[in-house]
Amino acid sequence: MLAAVQSFHDKHDLDSNGGEELAYRVALMAEELGEISACVTKGQPLSALSEECADLLILLIGTAISAEFDLNQAFWDKMKELDQRHSRTIHGRRRVSRFEEGESA
């Protein structure tokens, strides 16, 4: 996936034309998250949801390229951290987080 997104960035010369500017990329990711939300809240077909999730994943990978960090390593580092956390049921839904001492469920 990384190579495909890098190829896309190269093909469209994103690094020379503002396409790798991080604030711009955050705005694009927010837009995609809104489209994901619309898929879920408006009952759109699973195919629409999967397409919007793929768009967000492509933008996330592209952001790692733009910011020059290893997304694969960041993923595994975060999974290791998450694996050490506890979960709670809050308002009927399971949540894994860094809960503050005395935080109510």
C-alpha atoms as a PDB file:
ATOM      1  CA  MET A   1       0.000   0.000   0.000  1.00  0.00           C
ATOM      2  CA  LEU A   2       2.818   2.386   0.881  1.00  0.00           C
ATOM      3  CA  ALA A   3       4.437   1.976  -2.538  1.00  0.00           C
ATOM      4  CA  ALA A   4       1.120   2.560  -4.324  1.00  0.00           C
ATOM      5  CA  VAL A   5       0.438   5.764  -2.389  1.00  0.00           C
ATOM      6  CA  GLN A   6       4.029   6.951  -2.910  1.00  0.00           C
ATOM      7  CA  SER A   7       3.595   6.314  -6.634  1.00  0.00           C
ATOM      8  CA  PHE A   8       0.364   8.342  -6.587  1.00  0.00           C
ATOM      9  CA  HIS A   9       2.152  11.228  -4.830  1.00  0.00           C
ATOM     10  CA  ASP A  10       4.969  11.076  -7.373  1.00  0.00           C
ATOM     11  CA  LYS A  11       2.605  10.867 -10.362  1.00  0.00           C
ATOM     12  CA  HIS A  12       0.761  14.001  -9.253  1.00  0.00           C
ATOM     13  CA  ASP A  13       3.875  15.788  -7.942  1.00  0.00           C
ATOM     14  CA  LEU A  14       2.138  16.427  -4.634  1.00  0.00           C
ATOM     15  CA  ASP A  15       5.303  17.338  -2.765  1.00  0.00           C
ATOM     16  CA  SER A  16       5.966  20.300  -5.090  1.00  0.00           C
ATOM     17  CA  ASN A  17       2.397  21.567  -5.345  1.00  0.00           C
ATOM     18  CA  GLY A  18       1.112  21.832  -1.773  1.00  0.00           C
ATOM     19  CA  GLY A  19      -0.471  18.378  -1.736  1.00  0.00           C
ATOM     20  CA  GLU A  20       1.801  17.231   1.070  1.00  0.00           C
ATOM     21  CA  GLU A  21       1.211  20.261   3.318  1.00  0.00           C
ATOM     22  CA  LEU A  22       0.141  18.758   6.635  1.00  0.00           C
ATOM     23  CA  ALA A  23      -2.621  21.257   7.487  1.00  0.00           C
ATOM     24  CA  TYR A  24      -4.150  20.651   4.047  1.00  0.00           C
ATOM     25  CA  ARG A  25      -3.954  16.899   4.583  1.00  0.00           C
ATOM     26  CA  VAL A  26      -5.729  17.228   7.943  1.00  0.00           C
ATOM     27  CA  ALA A  27      -8.534  19.126   6.205  1.00  0.00           C
ATOM     28  CA  LEU A  28      -8.802  16.374   3.584  1.00  0.00           C
ATOM     29  CA  MET A  29      -8.934  13.689   6.291  1.00  0.00           C
ATOM     30  CA  ALA A  30     -11.651  15.612   8.148  1.00  0.00           C
ATOM     31  CA  GLU A  31     -13.632  15.779   4.909  1.00  0.00           C
ATOM     32  CA  GLU A  32     -13.289  12.015   4.424  1.00  0.00           C
ATOM     33  CA  LEU A  33     -14.315  11.353   8.024  1.00  0.00           C
ATOM     34  CA  GLY A  34     -17.437  13.420   7.378  1.00  0.00           C
ATOM     35  CA  GLU A  35     -18.174  11.277   4.342  1.00  0.00           C
ATOM     36  CA  ILE A  36     -17.724   8.122   6.447  1.00  0.00           C
ATOM     37  CA  SER A  37     -20.121   9.570   9.008  1.00  0.00           C
ATOM     38  CA  ALA A  38     -22.670  10.284   6.286  1.00  0.00           C
ATOM     39  CA  CYS A  39     -22.418   6.689   5.062  1.00  0.00           C
ATOM     40  CA  VAL A  40     -23.181   5.376   8.538  1.00  0.00           C
ATOM     41  CA  THR A  41     -25.843   7.873   9.605  1.00  0.00           C
ATOM     42  CA  LYS A  42     -27.684   7.908   6.279  1.00  0.00           C
ATOM     43  CA  GLY A  43     -27.672   4.145   5.835  1.00  0.00           C
ATOM     44  CA  GLN A  44     -25.663   4.164   2.631  1.00  0.00           C
ATOM     45  CA  PRO A  45     -24.581   0.803   1.203  1.00  0.00           C
ATOM     46  CA  LEU A  46     -21.523  -0.984   2.556  1.00  0.00           C
ATOM     47  CA  SER A  47     -19.761  -0.345  -0.762  1.00  0.00           C
ATOM     48  CA  ALA A  48     -19.952   3.419  -0.130  1.00  0.00           C
ATOM     49  CA  LEU A  49     -18.588   3.009   3.399  1.00  0.00           C
ATOM     50  CA  SER A  50     -15.725   0.825   2.204  1.00  0.00           C
ATOM     51  CA  GLU A  51     -14.813   3.362  -0.505  1.00  0.00           C
ATOM     52  CA  GLU A  52     -14.738   6.256   1.974  1.00  0.00           C
ATOM     53  CA  CYS A  53     -12.679   4.206   4.456  1.00  0.00           C
ATOM     54  CA  ALA A  54     -10.216   3.422   1.661  1.00  0.00           C
ATOM     55  CA  ASP A  55     -10.003   7.154   0.854  1.00  0.00           C
ATOM     56  CA  LEU A  56      -9.161   7.898   4.496  1.00  0.00           C
ATOM     57  CA  LEU A  57      -6.574   5.102   4.627  1.00  0.00           C
ATOM     58  CA  ILE A  58      -4.905   6.468   1.475  1.00  0.00           C
ATOM     59  CA  LEU A  59      -4.793   9.921   3.047  1.00  0.00           C
ATOM     60  CA  LEU A  60      -3.343   8.514   6.293  1.00  0.00           C
ATOM     61  CA  ILE A  61      -0.617   6.677   4.413  1.00  0.00           C
ATOM     62  CA  GLY A  62       0.048   9.796   2.352  1.00  0.00           C
ATOM     63  CA  THR A  63       0.321  11.868   5.516  1.00  0.00           C
ATOM     64  CA  ALA A  64       2.991   9.502   6.822  1.00  0.00           C
ATOM     65  CA  ILE A  65       4.828   9.947   3.518  1.00  0.00           C
ATOM     66  CA  SER A  66       4.464  13.733   3.708  1.00  0.00           C
ATOM     67  CA  ALA A  67       5.603  13.943   7.341  1.00  0.00           C
ATOM     68  CA  GLU A  68       8.341  11.361   6.746  1.00  0.00           C
ATOM     69  CA  PHE A  69       7.489   8.898   9.501  1.00  0.00           C
ATOM     70  CA  ASP A  70       7.159   5.131   9.447  1.00  0.00           C
ATOM     71  CA  LEU A  71       3.424   4.479   9.751  1.00  0.00           C
ATOM     72  CA  ASN A  72       3.971   0.737  10.047  1.00  0.00           C
ATOM     73  CA  GLN A  73       6.252   1.227  13.062  1.00  0.00           C
ATOM     74  CA  ALA A  74       3.906   3.816  14.569  1.00  0.00           C
ATOM     75  CA  PHE A  75       1.038   1.340  14.190  1.00  0.00           C
ATOM     76  CA  TRP A  76       2.866  -1.469  15.998  1.00  0.00           C
ATOM     77  CA  ASP A  77       4.124   0.872  18.727  1.00  0.00           C
ATOM     78  CA  LYS A  78       0.571   2.058  19.344  1.00  0.00           C
ATOM     79  CA  MET A  79      -0.848  -1.485  19.313  1.00  0.00           C
ATOM     80  CA  LYS A  80       1.693  -2.478  21.959  1.00  0.00           C
ATOM     81  CA  GLU A  81       0.614   0.488  24.080  1.00  0.00           C
ATOM     82  CA  LEU A  82      -3.098  -0.236  23.566  1.00  0.00           C
ATOM     83  CA  ASP A  83      -2.582  -3.861  24.522  1.00  0.00           C
ATOM     84  CA  GLN A  84      -1.520  -2.687  27.988  1.00  0.00           C
ATOM     85  CA  ARG A  85      -4.659  -0.610  28.564  1.00  0.00           C
ATOM     86  CA  HIS A  86      -7.812  -1.652  30.358  1.00  0.00           C
ATOM     87  CA  SER A  87     -11.323  -1.531  28.985  1.00  0.00           C
ATOM     88  CA  ARG A  88     -14.581  -0.391  30.532  1.00  0.00           C
ATOM     89  CA  THR A  89     -18.187  -0.338  29.504  1.00  0.00           C
ATOM     90  CA  ILE A  90     -19.342   3.269  29.322  1.00  0.00           C
ATOM     91  CA  HIS A  91     -22.936   4.072  28.361  1.00  0.00           C
ATOM     92  CA  GLY A  92     -23.366   0.491  27.173  1.00  0.00           C
ATOM     93  CA  ARG A  93     -20.313   0.482  24.877  1.00  0.00           C
ATOM     94  CA  ARG A  94     -16.879  -1.000  25.434  1.00  0.00           C
ATOM     95  CA  ARG A  95     -14.046   1.531  25.553  1.00  0.00           C
ATOM     96  CA  VAL A  96     -10.284   1.022  25.764  1.00  0.00           C
ATOM     97  CA  SER A  97      -8.496   4.109  27.033  1.00  0.00           C
ATOM     98  CA  ARG A  98      -6.151   5.618  29.601  1.00  0.00           C
ATOM     99  CA  PHE A  99      -8.763   6.059  32.274  1.00  0.00           C
ATOM    100  CA  GLU A 100      -8.139   8.618  34.989  1.00  0.00           C
ATOM    101  CA  GLU A 101      -8.218   7.427  38.574  1.00  0.00           C
ATOM    102  CA  GLY A 102     -11.757   7.673  39.887  1.00  0.00           C
ATOM    103  CA  GLU A 103     -13.269   8.160  36.432  1.00  0.00           C
ATOM    104  CA  SER A 104     -16.803   6.819  36.476  1.00  0.00           C
ATOM    105  CA  ALA A 105     -18.002   4.174  34.077  1.00  0.00           C
END
